[in-house]
């Protein structure tokens, strides 16, 4: 006698459904970038956290993911406002992005920070240099997933301005 038992189909939470939808959308938009999309559930809400290395900027990724967040927290009134609620897609209360540099790129950023620090004459220089390089220069540059030979170069045709305007993150990309 052959008895086959089927397990009841598991129902995904709203956050898990949102996570799955975000991952599918990002895979279409950025097929060569590996995203880690995690969902969490907690009292009075849920969240989806998105992590990736190099690749598109956070602003570019947020163009695809913003619609999956129901609203935002209003700190002035200490309330969450459902200002983006939609019935046609799964949504979470909070959707956050976290882009990280690869180990190779992190080393280049740290080496350049040390070079900047040689002439530092004020106590807060280490924080300032790291903040500019790891946040601003990295943040504004989309990076090909197969990029190599990372370097920071002086920007052409720019002679004054804030640090992130004076330097550019450069890299080599493979030819197809």
N, C-alpha and C. Protein backbone atom coordinates (compact mmCIF):
# COMPACT_ATOMS: atom_id res chain seq x y z
N UNK A 1 0.85 -1.17 0.00
CA UNK A 1 0.00 0.00 0.00
C UNK A 1 0.90 1.24 0.00
N UNK A 2 0.69 2.09 -0.93
CA UNK A 2 1.48 3.31 -1.08
C UNK A 2 0.70 4.50 -0.55
N UNK A 3 1.13 4.98 0.58
CA UNK A 3 0.44 6.14 1.15
C UNK A 3 1.36 7.34 1.04
N UNK A 4 0.88 8.31 0.36
CA UNK A 4 1.64 9.53 0.19
C UNK A 4 1.00 10.61 1.03
N UNK A 5 1.81 11.16 1.89
CA UNK A 5 1.28 12.25 2.70
C UNK A 5 1.83 13.56 2.16
N UNK A 6 0.97 14.50 2.07
CA UNK A 6 1.40 15.82 1.61
C UNK A 6 1.36 16.77 2.79
N UNK A 7 2.40 17.54 2.85
CA UNK A 7 2.45 18.53 3.92
C UNK A 7 1.56 19.71 3.55
N UNK A 8 0.88 20.26 4.52
CA UNK A 8 0.07 21.45 4.21
C UNK A 8 0.99 22.59 3.76
N UNK A 9 0.52 23.34 2.80
CA UNK A 9 1.31 24.44 2.28
C UNK A 9 1.44 25.52 3.33
N UNK A 10 2.68 25.94 3.52
CA UNK A 10 2.98 26.96 4.52
C UNK A 10 2.59 28.34 4.00
N UNK A 11 1.95 29.12 4.83
CA UNK A 11 1.58 30.48 4.46
C UNK A 11 2.69 31.42 4.89
N UNK A 12 3.17 32.20 3.94
CA UNK A 12 4.23 33.16 4.24
C UNK A 12 3.66 34.39 4.93
N UNK A 13 4.44 34.94 5.84
CA UNK A 13 4.04 36.19 6.49
C UNK A 13 4.09 37.31 5.45
N UNK A 14 3.50 38.44 5.77
CA UNK A 14 3.53 39.59 4.86
C UNK A 14 4.96 40.02 4.59
N UNK A 15 5.81 39.99 5.61
CA UNK A 15 7.21 40.37 5.43
C UNK A 15 7.93 39.39 4.52
N UNK A 16 7.67 38.09 4.68
CA UNK A 16 8.29 37.08 3.83
C UNK A 16 7.82 37.22 2.38
N UNK A 17 6.54 37.51 2.18
CA UNK A 17 6.02 37.74 0.82
C UNK A 17 6.69 38.97 0.19
N UNK A 18 6.85 40.01 0.99
CA UNK A 18 7.50 41.24 0.52
C UNK A 18 8.95 40.95 0.17
N UNK A 19 9.62 40.22 1.01
CA UNK A 19 11.02 39.84 0.78
C UNK A 19 11.16 39.08 -0.54
N UNK A 20 10.29 38.14 -0.76
CA UNK A 20 10.30 37.33 -1.99
C UNK A 20 10.06 38.21 -3.23
N UNK A 21 9.12 39.12 -3.14
CA UNK A 21 8.81 40.02 -4.26
C UNK A 21 9.98 40.97 -4.54
N UNK A 22 10.60 41.49 -3.50
CA UNK A 22 11.74 42.39 -3.67
C UNK A 22 12.89 41.65 -4.34
N UNK A 23 13.18 40.45 -3.86
CA UNK A 23 14.28 39.67 -4.42
C UNK A 23 14.04 39.40 -5.91
N UNK A 24 12.82 39.06 -6.28
CA UNK A 24 12.50 38.80 -7.69
C UNK A 24 12.69 40.07 -8.53
N UNK A 25 12.25 41.19 -8.01
CA UNK A 25 12.38 42.46 -8.74
C UNK A 25 13.84 42.85 -8.91
N UNK A 26 14.62 42.72 -7.86
CA UNK A 26 16.04 43.07 -7.94
C UNK A 26 16.81 42.12 -8.85
N UNK A 27 16.42 40.86 -8.88
CA UNK A 27 17.07 39.89 -9.76
C UNK A 27 16.85 40.25 -11.22
N UNK A 28 15.66 40.76 -11.54
CA UNK A 28 15.38 41.22 -12.92
C UNK A 28 16.18 42.48 -13.24
N UNK A 29 16.23 43.41 -12.30
CA UNK A 29 16.90 44.69 -12.53
C UNK A 29 18.42 44.56 -12.54
N UNK A 30 18.96 43.72 -11.66
CA UNK A 30 20.41 43.57 -11.50
C UNK A 30 20.76 42.08 -11.48
N UNK A 31 20.69 41.41 -12.62
CA UNK A 31 20.85 39.95 -12.63
C UNK A 31 22.23 39.45 -12.18
N UNK A 32 23.25 40.28 -12.25
CA UNK A 32 24.59 39.83 -11.88
C UNK A 32 24.98 40.17 -10.45
N UNK A 33 24.11 40.86 -9.73
CA UNK A 33 24.39 41.23 -8.34
C UNK A 33 23.65 40.28 -7.42
N UNK A 34 24.35 39.80 -6.41
CA UNK A 34 23.74 38.88 -5.45
C UNK A 34 23.21 39.69 -4.26
N UNK A 35 21.91 39.65 -4.08
CA UNK A 35 21.25 40.35 -2.97
C UNK A 35 20.85 39.34 -1.91
N UNK A 36 20.99 39.74 -0.66
CA UNK A 36 20.47 38.96 0.46
C UNK A 36 19.29 39.77 1.00
N UNK A 37 18.12 39.17 0.99
CA UNK A 37 16.91 39.87 1.42
C UNK A 37 16.30 39.09 2.58
N UNK A 38 16.26 39.72 3.74
CA UNK A 38 15.80 39.07 4.98
C UNK A 38 14.56 39.76 5.52
N UNK A 39 13.62 38.97 5.98
CA UNK A 39 12.41 39.54 6.58
C UNK A 39 12.39 39.28 8.08
N UNK A 40 11.76 40.19 8.79
CA UNK A 40 11.60 40.06 10.25
C UNK A 40 10.19 40.48 10.63
N UNK A 41 9.69 39.84 11.67
CA UNK A 41 8.38 40.20 12.21
C UNK A 41 8.55 40.54 13.69
N UNK A 42 7.86 41.57 14.12
CA UNK A 42 7.96 42.01 15.51
C UNK A 42 6.62 42.61 15.92
N UNK A 43 6.48 42.91 17.18
CA UNK A 43 5.23 43.48 17.69
C UNK A 43 4.87 44.73 16.89
N UNK A 44 3.67 44.79 16.42
CA UNK A 44 3.14 45.93 15.65
C UNK A 44 3.85 46.20 14.33
N UNK A 45 4.49 45.20 13.74
CA UNK A 45 5.10 45.47 12.44
C UNK A 45 6.01 44.40 11.92
N UNK A 46 6.70 44.77 10.84
CA UNK A 46 7.63 43.86 10.19
C UNK A 46 8.63 44.69 9.39
N UNK A 47 9.65 44.02 8.92
CA UNK A 47 10.66 44.73 8.14
C UNK A 47 11.31 43.79 7.13
N UNK A 48 11.93 44.40 6.13
CA UNK A 48 12.72 43.68 5.15
C UNK A 48 14.04 44.42 5.04
N UNK A 49 15.14 43.68 5.17
CA UNK A 49 16.48 44.25 5.07
C UNK A 49 17.17 43.67 3.84
N UNK A 50 17.77 44.54 3.04
CA UNK A 50 18.41 44.15 1.80
C UNK A 50 19.90 44.45 1.90
N UNK A 51 20.73 43.44 1.61
CA UNK A 51 22.19 43.58 1.68
C UNK A 51 22.80 43.16 0.34
N UNK A 52 23.86 43.86 -0.07
CA UNK A 52 24.61 43.45 -1.25
C UNK A 52 26.00 44.08 -1.21
N UNK A 53 26.88 43.55 -2.03
CA UNK A 53 28.26 44.02 -2.10
C UNK A 53 28.49 44.69 -3.45
N UNK A 54 29.12 45.88 -3.38
CA UNK A 54 29.41 46.68 -4.59
C UNK A 54 28.12 46.89 -5.37
N UNK A 55 28.10 46.65 -6.67
CA UNK A 55 26.88 46.77 -7.45
C UNK A 55 26.31 48.18 -7.52
N UNK A 56 25.00 48.24 -7.70
CA UNK A 56 24.29 49.51 -7.84
C UNK A 56 24.33 50.30 -6.54
N UNK A 57 24.17 51.60 -6.66
CA UNK A 57 24.11 52.45 -5.47
C UNK A 57 22.82 52.18 -4.71
N UNK A 58 22.81 52.54 -3.44
CA UNK A 58 21.60 52.36 -2.63
C UNK A 58 20.43 53.16 -3.21
N UNK A 59 20.71 54.34 -3.72
CA UNK A 59 19.64 55.15 -4.32
C UNK A 59 19.01 54.44 -5.50
N UNK A 60 19.81 53.79 -6.33
CA UNK A 60 19.28 53.05 -7.49
C UNK A 60 18.42 51.87 -7.04
N UNK A 61 18.89 51.14 -6.03
CA UNK A 61 18.14 49.99 -5.53
C UNK A 61 16.83 50.46 -4.89
N UNK A 62 16.88 51.58 -4.18
CA UNK A 62 15.68 52.11 -3.54
C UNK A 62 14.62 52.55 -4.54
N UNK A 63 15.03 52.85 -5.78
CA UNK A 63 14.04 53.16 -6.82
C UNK A 63 13.13 51.95 -7.07
N UNK A 64 13.67 50.75 -6.89
CA UNK A 64 12.89 49.53 -7.08
C UNK A 64 12.17 49.09 -5.81
N UNK A 65 12.73 49.40 -4.66
CA UNK A 65 12.19 48.86 -3.41
C UNK A 65 11.24 49.80 -2.65
N UNK A 66 11.24 51.07 -2.97
CA UNK A 66 10.42 52.05 -2.22
C UNK A 66 8.95 51.68 -2.20
N UNK A 67 8.46 51.13 -3.28
CA UNK A 67 7.03 50.81 -3.35
C UNK A 67 6.63 49.69 -2.39
N UNK A 68 7.62 48.94 -1.89
CA UNK A 68 7.32 47.83 -0.99
C UNK A 68 7.23 48.25 0.48
N UNK A 69 7.47 49.52 0.77
CA UNK A 69 7.34 50.02 2.14
C UNK A 69 6.02 50.76 2.27
N UNK A 70 5.21 50.38 3.25
CA UNK A 70 3.86 50.93 3.42
C UNK A 70 3.84 52.42 3.72
N UNK A 71 4.82 52.91 4.43
CA UNK A 71 4.81 54.31 4.84
C UNK A 71 6.11 54.67 5.49
N UNK A 72 6.03 55.55 6.48
CA UNK A 72 7.25 55.96 7.17
C UNK A 72 6.91 56.42 8.59
N UNK A 73 7.94 56.46 9.41
CA UNK A 73 7.76 56.89 10.79
C UNK A 73 7.84 58.41 10.86
N UNK A 74 6.88 59.04 11.50
CA UNK A 74 6.85 60.48 11.71
C UNK A 74 7.33 60.75 13.14
N UNK A 75 8.59 61.14 13.24
CA UNK A 75 9.19 61.36 14.55
C UNK A 75 8.64 62.56 15.29
N UNK A 76 8.11 63.54 14.56
CA UNK A 76 7.56 64.73 15.22
C UNK A 76 6.30 64.39 16.01
N UNK A 77 5.51 63.46 15.48
CA UNK A 77 4.27 63.07 16.16
C UNK A 77 4.36 61.69 16.79
N UNK A 78 5.51 61.03 16.62
CA UNK A 78 5.75 59.71 17.18
C UNK A 78 4.71 58.70 16.71
N UNK A 79 4.47 58.70 15.38
CA UNK A 79 3.52 57.76 14.79
C UNK A 79 4.05 57.23 13.47
N UNK A 80 3.56 56.08 13.07
CA UNK A 80 3.87 55.53 11.76
C UNK A 80 2.72 55.92 10.83
N UNK A 81 3.05 56.48 9.68
CA UNK A 81 2.02 56.92 8.73
C UNK A 81 2.02 56.01 7.50
N UNK A 82 0.87 55.41 7.22
CA UNK A 82 0.71 54.56 6.05
C UNK A 82 0.47 55.43 4.82
N UNK A 83 1.52 56.03 4.32
CA UNK A 83 1.39 56.98 3.21
C UNK A 83 1.63 56.36 1.84
N UNK A 84 1.98 55.06 1.80
CA UNK A 84 2.30 54.42 0.53
C UNK A 84 1.63 53.05 0.43
N UNK A 85 0.56 52.86 1.18
CA UNK A 85 -0.10 51.57 1.25
C UNK A 85 -0.73 51.20 -0.09
N UNK A 86 -0.45 49.95 -0.54
CA UNK A 86 -0.98 49.46 -1.81
C UNK A 86 -1.55 48.06 -1.62
N UNK A 87 -2.58 47.73 -2.38
CA UNK A 87 -3.19 46.40 -2.30
C UNK A 87 -2.67 45.46 -3.38
N UNK A 88 -1.97 45.98 -4.38
CA UNK A 88 -1.55 45.16 -5.52
C UNK A 88 -0.22 44.45 -5.33
N UNK A 89 0.52 44.78 -4.28
CA UNK A 89 1.81 44.14 -4.02
C UNK A 89 1.95 43.90 -2.52
N UNK A 90 2.77 42.91 -2.13
CA UNK A 90 3.01 42.74 -0.69
C UNK A 90 3.89 43.88 -0.19
N UNK A 91 3.67 44.29 1.05
CA UNK A 91 4.44 45.40 1.62
C UNK A 91 4.82 45.12 3.07
N UNK A 92 5.87 45.79 3.50
CA UNK A 92 6.32 45.71 4.89
C UNK A 92 6.32 47.11 5.47
N UNK A 93 6.35 47.17 6.77
CA UNK A 93 6.33 48.46 7.45
C UNK A 93 7.65 49.22 7.21
N UNK A 94 8.77 48.49 7.24
CA UNK A 94 10.07 49.10 7.02
C UNK A 94 10.85 48.28 5.99
N UNK A 95 11.49 48.97 5.05
CA UNK A 95 12.37 48.34 4.06
C UNK A 95 13.68 49.12 4.09
N UNK A 96 14.76 48.44 4.39
CA UNK A 96 16.05 49.14 4.47
C UNK A 96 17.07 48.49 3.55
N UNK A 97 18.02 49.30 3.10
CA UNK A 97 19.08 48.82 2.21
C UNK A 97 20.43 49.01 2.88
N UNK A 98 21.34 48.10 2.59
CA UNK A 98 22.68 48.18 3.15
C UNK A 98 23.69 47.64 2.14
N UNK A 99 24.37 48.55 1.48
CA UNK A 99 25.37 48.20 0.48
C UNK A 99 26.75 48.22 1.13
N UNK A 100 27.53 47.19 0.85
CA UNK A 100 28.86 47.09 1.44
C UNK A 100 29.93 47.02 0.35
N UNK A 101 31.12 47.55 0.64
CA UNK A 101 32.21 47.38 -0.31
C UNK A 101 32.80 45.98 -0.19
N UNK A 102 33.31 45.44 -1.29
CA UNK A 102 34.00 44.16 -1.25
C UNK A 102 35.28 44.31 -0.44
N UNK A 103 35.88 43.19 -0.07
CA UNK A 103 37.13 43.24 0.71
C UNK A 103 38.21 43.99 -0.05
N UNK A 104 38.32 43.73 -1.35
CA UNK A 104 39.33 44.41 -2.17
C UNK A 104 39.11 45.91 -2.17
N UNK A 105 37.87 46.33 -2.35
CA UNK A 105 37.55 47.75 -2.37
C UNK A 105 37.75 48.37 -0.98
N UNK A 106 37.37 47.66 0.06
CA UNK A 106 37.56 48.15 1.43
C UNK A 106 39.03 48.44 1.69
N UNK A 107 39.90 47.58 1.20
CA UNK A 107 41.34 47.79 1.38
C UNK A 107 41.80 49.06 0.65
N UNK A 108 41.31 49.27 -0.54
CA UNK A 108 41.66 50.48 -1.30
C UNK A 108 41.18 51.73 -0.56
N UNK A 109 39.97 51.69 -0.03
CA UNK A 109 39.44 52.83 0.73
C UNK A 109 40.28 53.09 1.98
N UNK A 110 40.64 52.03 2.68
CA UNK A 110 41.45 52.20 3.89
C UNK A 110 42.85 52.71 3.57
N UNK A 111 43.46 52.22 2.50
CA UNK A 111 44.78 52.70 2.11
C UNK A 111 44.75 54.18 1.74
N UNK A 112 43.72 54.57 1.03
CA UNK A 112 43.61 55.98 0.64
C UNK A 112 43.35 56.86 1.87
N UNK A 113 42.57 56.34 2.81
CA UNK A 113 42.32 57.09 4.05
C UNK A 113 43.64 57.32 4.78
N UNK A 114 44.48 56.31 4.85
CA UNK A 114 45.79 56.45 5.50
C UNK A 114 46.63 57.51 4.80
N UNK A 115 46.55 57.53 3.48
CA UNK A 115 47.30 58.53 2.71
C UNK A 115 46.80 59.94 3.04
N UNK A 116 45.50 60.09 3.16
CA UNK A 116 44.94 61.39 3.53
C UNK A 116 45.35 61.80 4.94
N UNK A 117 45.47 60.81 5.82
CA UNK A 117 45.76 61.08 7.22
C UNK A 117 47.18 61.59 7.45
N UNK A 118 48.08 61.36 6.51
CA UNK A 118 49.46 61.81 6.67
C UNK A 118 49.54 63.30 6.94
N UNK A 119 48.67 64.06 6.31
CA UNK A 119 48.69 65.52 6.47
C UNK A 119 47.62 66.04 7.42
N UNK A 120 46.93 65.13 8.10
CA UNK A 120 45.84 65.56 8.98
C UNK A 120 46.39 66.37 10.15
N UNK A 121 45.76 67.49 10.40
CA UNK A 121 46.21 68.35 11.48
C UNK A 121 45.13 68.57 12.53
N UNK A 122 44.08 67.83 12.45
CA UNK A 122 43.05 68.00 13.46
C UNK A 122 42.58 66.63 13.96
N UNK A 123 42.07 66.64 15.17
CA UNK A 123 41.76 65.41 15.89
C UNK A 123 40.70 64.55 15.21
N UNK A 124 39.75 65.16 14.57
CA UNK A 124 38.62 64.45 13.98
C UNK A 124 38.92 63.98 12.56
N UNK A 125 40.15 64.09 12.11
CA UNK A 125 40.49 63.78 10.72
C UNK A 125 40.19 62.34 10.34
N UNK A 126 40.45 61.38 11.23
CA UNK A 126 40.23 59.98 10.90
C UNK A 126 38.75 59.73 10.59
N UNK A 127 37.88 60.22 11.44
CA UNK A 127 36.45 60.05 11.19
C UNK A 127 36.04 60.73 9.89
N UNK A 128 36.49 61.96 9.69
CA UNK A 128 36.13 62.70 8.49
C UNK A 128 36.58 61.97 7.23
N UNK A 129 37.82 61.52 7.20
CA UNK A 129 38.34 60.84 6.01
C UNK A 129 37.56 59.56 5.74
N UNK A 130 37.32 58.75 6.77
CA UNK A 130 36.59 57.50 6.57
C UNK A 130 35.15 57.79 6.13
N UNK A 131 34.54 58.76 6.76
CA UNK A 131 33.15 59.10 6.41
C UNK A 131 33.06 59.53 4.95
N UNK A 132 33.96 60.36 4.51
CA UNK A 132 33.93 60.81 3.12
C UNK A 132 34.16 59.67 2.16
N UNK A 133 35.18 58.88 2.41
CA UNK A 133 35.52 57.82 1.46
C UNK A 133 34.55 56.67 1.48
N UNK A 134 34.30 56.12 2.65
CA UNK A 134 33.44 54.95 2.72
C UNK A 134 31.98 55.27 2.48
N UNK A 135 31.59 56.47 2.75
CA UNK A 135 30.18 56.82 2.58
C UNK A 135 29.95 57.59 1.29
N UNK A 136 30.59 58.69 1.14
CA UNK A 136 30.26 59.57 0.01
C UNK A 136 30.84 59.13 -1.33
N UNK A 137 32.12 58.81 -1.39
CA UNK A 137 32.70 58.40 -2.67
C UNK A 137 32.13 57.05 -3.08
N UNK A 138 32.09 56.10 -2.16
CA UNK A 138 31.53 54.78 -2.44
C UNK A 138 30.04 54.87 -2.75
N UNK A 139 29.33 55.66 -1.96
CA UNK A 139 27.88 55.76 -2.10
C UNK A 139 27.44 56.27 -3.47
N UNK A 140 28.22 57.17 -4.06
CA UNK A 140 27.78 57.77 -5.33
C UNK A 140 28.19 56.98 -6.57
N UNK A 141 28.94 55.89 -6.40
CA UNK A 141 29.47 55.15 -7.54
C UNK A 141 28.84 53.78 -7.67
N UNK A 142 28.18 53.53 -8.79
CA UNK A 142 27.71 52.17 -9.09
C UNK A 142 28.93 51.37 -9.56
N UNK A 143 28.98 50.11 -9.14
CA UNK A 143 30.14 49.28 -9.42
C UNK A 143 29.70 48.01 -10.13
N UNK A 144 30.32 47.73 -11.25
CA UNK A 144 30.03 46.50 -11.99
C UNK A 144 30.32 45.30 -11.08
N UNK A 145 29.45 44.29 -11.06
CA UNK A 145 29.64 43.15 -10.16
C UNK A 145 30.98 42.42 -10.35
N UNK A 146 31.54 42.46 -11.55
CA UNK A 146 32.81 41.77 -11.79
C UNK A 146 33.99 42.74 -11.84
N UNK A 147 33.83 43.91 -11.26
CA UNK A 147 34.88 44.93 -11.28
C UNK A 147 36.14 44.46 -10.55
N UNK A 148 37.29 44.92 -11.04
CA UNK A 148 38.58 44.62 -10.42
C UNK A 148 39.44 45.87 -10.47
N UNK A 149 40.60 45.78 -9.86
CA UNK A 149 41.59 46.86 -9.90
C UNK A 149 41.00 48.19 -9.43
N UNK A 150 40.44 48.18 -8.22
CA UNK A 150 39.86 49.39 -7.65
C UNK A 150 40.95 50.41 -7.34
N UNK A 151 40.62 51.68 -7.53
CA UNK A 151 41.53 52.76 -7.22
C UNK A 151 40.73 54.04 -7.05
N UNK A 152 41.33 54.98 -6.35
CA UNK A 152 40.72 56.29 -6.19
C UNK A 152 41.62 57.28 -6.91
N UNK A 153 41.04 58.02 -7.83
CA UNK A 153 41.81 58.97 -8.64
C UNK A 153 41.28 60.38 -8.45
N UNK A 154 42.14 61.31 -8.67
CA UNK A 154 41.76 62.72 -8.64
C UNK A 154 40.79 62.96 -9.80
N UNK A 155 39.68 63.62 -9.53
CA UNK A 155 38.69 63.91 -10.56
C UNK A 155 39.25 64.91 -11.56
N UNK A 156 38.99 64.65 -12.82
CA UNK A 156 39.45 65.55 -13.86
C UNK A 156 38.56 66.78 -13.92
N UNK A 157 39.14 67.91 -14.20
CA UNK A 157 38.42 69.18 -14.34
C UNK A 157 37.74 69.66 -13.07
N UNK A 158 38.19 69.18 -11.91
CA UNK A 158 37.66 69.65 -10.64
C UNK A 158 38.85 70.10 -9.80
N UNK A 159 38.85 71.38 -9.43
CA UNK A 159 40.00 71.88 -8.67
C UNK A 159 39.62 72.35 -7.27
N UNK A 160 38.35 72.42 -6.96
CA UNK A 160 37.93 72.85 -5.63
C UNK A 160 36.60 72.18 -5.30
N UNK A 161 36.33 72.12 -4.02
CA UNK A 161 35.07 71.53 -3.58
C UNK A 161 35.29 70.61 -2.41
N UNK A 162 34.26 69.89 -2.06
CA UNK A 162 34.36 68.95 -0.96
C UNK A 162 35.09 67.70 -1.44
N UNK A 163 35.59 66.91 -0.51
CA UNK A 163 36.45 65.78 -0.82
C UNK A 163 35.84 64.83 -1.85
N UNK A 164 34.56 64.51 -1.70
CA UNK A 164 33.97 63.56 -2.63
C UNK A 164 33.87 64.09 -4.06
N UNK A 165 33.96 65.40 -4.23
CA UNK A 165 33.98 65.97 -5.59
C UNK A 165 35.39 65.95 -6.19
N UNK A 166 36.40 65.91 -5.33
CA UNK A 166 37.79 65.95 -5.80
C UNK A 166 38.31 64.58 -6.20
N UNK A 167 37.67 63.52 -5.72
CA UNK A 167 38.14 62.17 -5.98
C UNK A 167 37.02 61.31 -6.55
N UNK A 168 37.42 60.32 -7.35
CA UNK A 168 36.48 59.39 -7.96
C UNK A 168 36.95 57.97 -7.74
N UNK A 169 36.00 57.09 -7.53
CA UNK A 169 36.29 55.67 -7.43
C UNK A 169 36.32 55.11 -8.84
N UNK A 170 37.42 54.48 -9.20
CA UNK A 170 37.59 53.91 -10.54
C UNK A 170 37.85 52.42 -10.42
N UNK A 171 37.59 51.68 -11.49
CA UNK A 171 37.82 50.23 -11.50
C UNK A 171 37.81 49.76 -12.94
N UNK A 172 38.30 48.55 -13.14
CA UNK A 172 38.28 47.92 -14.46
C UNK A 172 37.10 46.95 -14.51
N UNK A 173 36.49 46.86 -15.67
CA UNK A 173 35.41 45.89 -15.86
C UNK A 173 35.81 44.93 -16.96
N UNK A 174 35.37 43.68 -16.84
CA UNK A 174 35.74 42.70 -17.86
C UNK A 174 35.06 43.01 -19.19
N UNK A 175 35.74 42.71 -20.25
CA UNK A 175 35.14 42.89 -21.58
C UNK A 175 34.46 41.60 -21.97
N UNK A 176 33.33 41.73 -22.63
CA UNK A 176 32.55 40.53 -23.00
C UNK A 176 32.74 40.23 -24.46
